[in-house]
Amino acid sequence: VQEVFGRKVTNEDFELIIVNDDGSGSSEHVVNVSLYCELIRKINFHASSLGKDGKFQLFICLCAREHLLPRLPQIMANLDITRQMYDDHSFLRNPDLLQDMVQVLLALDDYDIILEHSLTKGID
């Protein structure tokens, strides 16, 4: 159990959100969400002294290192909360802009990103 946006949730909560919103229920999609949840759990445990911004920055850095960053926008775009919080012209709601952003992020997968131990707070 972890706290996200002030609410206690489990990996199963994230998996149900994605399956219900996406409708596909593909196992790859669920596995991806579990990987993100595991990163969040590690960040909450190892970097408890960081604030929300610091934890978010660490999350993005770790996602880049683990080659998880290109899949994150599509997962976010499928959530109901994204439709509620972002207007129709945002990159998360506009399919063309979303695809352009994913293509840019995919370019990062060509590189092995090495993060210093002091930055990762010991998260392997």
Protein backbone atom coordinates (compact mmCIF):
# COMPACT_ATOMS: atom_id res chain seq x y z
CA VAL A 1 0.00 0.00 0.00
CA GLN A 2 1.32 3.42 -0.92
CA GLU A 3 0.01 6.93 -0.87
CA VAL A 4 -0.59 8.63 -4.21
CA PHE A 5 -2.16 12.07 -4.27
CA GLY A 6 -3.15 11.72 -0.64
CA ARG A 7 -4.96 8.41 -1.13
CA LYS A 8 -3.74 4.95 -0.13
CA VAL A 9 -3.65 2.63 -3.13
CA THR A 10 -2.15 -0.74 -4.03
CA ASN A 11 -0.68 -2.13 -7.25
CA GLU A 12 -4.04 -3.77 -7.88
CA ASP A 13 -5.73 -0.35 -7.80
CA PHE A 14 -3.41 0.89 -10.53
CA GLU A 15 -3.92 -2.25 -12.58
CA LEU A 16 -7.71 -1.97 -12.36
CA ILE A 17 -7.64 1.69 -13.36
CA ILE A 18 -5.62 0.93 -16.47
CA VAL A 19 -7.60 -2.16 -17.44
CA ASN A 20 -10.93 -0.40 -16.93
CA ASP A 21 -9.88 2.76 -18.78
CA ASP A 22 -7.97 1.08 -21.58
CA GLY A 23 -10.45 -1.71 -22.12
CA SER A 24 -7.81 -4.00 -23.61
CA GLY A 25 -6.66 -5.64 -20.39
CA SER A 26 -3.48 -6.75 -22.14
CA SER A 27 -0.96 -8.35 -19.82
CA GLU A 28 1.85 -6.13 -21.16
CA HIS A 29 -0.10 -3.05 -20.12
CA VAL A 30 -0.61 -4.42 -16.61
CA VAL A 31 3.06 -5.38 -16.28
CA ASN A 32 4.11 -1.87 -17.28
CA VAL A 33 1.95 -0.37 -14.57
CA SER A 34 3.40 -2.77 -12.02
CA LEU A 35 6.91 -1.63 -12.94
CA TYR A 36 5.94 2.00 -12.36
CA CYS A 37 4.30 1.10 -9.06
CA GLU A 38 7.45 -0.72 -7.96
CA LEU A 39 9.52 2.40 -8.75
CA ILE A 40 7.11 4.55 -6.74
CA ARG A 41 7.33 2.12 -3.82
CA LYS A 42 11.14 2.24 -3.90
CA ILE A 43 11.16 6.04 -4.10
CA ASN A 44 8.79 6.33 -1.15
CA PHE A 45 10.98 3.98 0.89
CA HIS A 46 14.46 5.24 -0.04
CA ALA A 47 13.79 8.93 -0.62
CA SER A 48 11.40 9.81 2.17
CA SER A 49 13.24 13.09 2.78
CA LEU A 50 12.40 14.36 -0.71
CA GLY A 51 9.34 16.50 -1.33
CA LYS A 52 6.77 15.86 -4.05
CA ASP A 53 8.80 17.64 -6.74
CA GLY A 54 11.98 15.79 -5.80
CA LYS A 55 10.20 12.44 -5.84
CA PHE A 56 8.67 13.23 -9.22
CA GLN A 57 12.06 14.22 -10.65
CA LEU A 58 13.61 11.04 -9.28
CA PHE A 59 10.74 9.01 -10.76
CA ILE A 60 11.36 10.53 -14.21
CA CYS A 61 15.12 9.92 -13.96
CA LEU A 62 14.60 6.30 -12.93
CA CYS A 63 12.04 5.75 -15.69
CA ALA A 64 14.55 7.10 -18.22
CA ARG A 65 17.29 4.85 -16.83
CA GLU A 66 15.04 1.78 -16.93
CA HIS A 67 13.70 2.63 -20.43
CA LEU A 68 10.15 3.02 -19.10
CA LEU A 69 9.65 6.67 -20.01
CA PRO A 70 8.22 6.26 -23.55
CA ARG A 71 5.28 4.14 -22.31
CA LEU A 72 4.29 6.49 -19.49
CA PRO A 73 2.44 9.15 -21.57
CA GLN A 74 0.13 6.57 -23.16
CA ILE A 75 -0.74 5.13 -19.77
CA MET A 76 -1.44 8.62 -18.44
CA ALA A 77 -3.50 9.51 -21.52
CA ASN A 78 -5.85 6.58 -20.87
CA LEU A 79 -6.84 7.70 -17.39
CA ASP A 80 -10.16 9.41 -16.64
CA ILE A 81 -8.36 11.98 -14.50
CA THR A 82 -6.37 13.10 -17.55
CA ARG A 83 -9.58 13.82 -19.43
CA GLN A 84 -10.83 15.80 -16.45
CA MET A 85 -7.66 17.81 -15.77
CA TYR A 86 -6.28 18.51 -19.27
CA ASP A 87 -7.96 20.36 -22.11
CA ASP A 88 -8.50 18.82 -25.53
CA HIS A 89 -5.43 20.51 -27.01
CA SER A 90 -2.92 19.21 -24.46
CA PHE A 91 -0.30 16.69 -25.50
CA LEU A 92 -1.94 14.00 -23.36
CA ARG A 93 -5.34 14.39 -25.03
CA ASN A 94 -4.34 15.14 -28.61
CA PRO A 95 -3.37 11.82 -30.28
CA ASP A 96 -0.97 13.47 -32.75
CA LEU A 97 0.87 15.41 -30.05
CA LEU A 98 0.93 12.35 -27.82
CA GLN A 99 2.49 10.25 -30.59
CA ASP A 100 5.09 12.99 -31.28
CA MET A 101 6.06 13.07 -27.61
CA VAL A 102 6.34 9.28 -27.46
CA GLN A 103 8.63 9.35 -30.51
CA VAL A 104 10.90 11.89 -28.81
CA LEU A 105 11.00 9.81 -25.64
CA LEU A 106 11.72 6.64 -27.63
CA ALA A 107 14.96 8.25 -28.79
CA LEU A 108 16.17 8.07 -25.18
CA ASP A 109 15.97 4.27 -25.34
CA ASP A 110 19.03 4.33 -27.63
CA TYR A 111 21.16 5.39 -24.67
CA ASP A 112 22.22 3.69 -21.48
CA ILE A 113 21.54 6.30 -18.83
CA ILE A 114 23.80 6.08 -15.81
CA LEU A 115 22.69 7.98 -12.74
CA GLU A 116 24.98 8.75 -9.84
CA HIS A 117 24.26 6.93 -6.59
CA SER A 118 23.70 10.26 -4.81
CA LEU A 119 20.94 11.13 -7.26
CA THR A 120 19.16 7.78 -7.11
CA LYS A 121 19.17 7.63 -3.29
CA GLY A 122 20.45 4.05 -3.53
CA ILE A 123 17.62 2.74 -5.68
CA ASP A 124 18.90 -0.01 -7.97
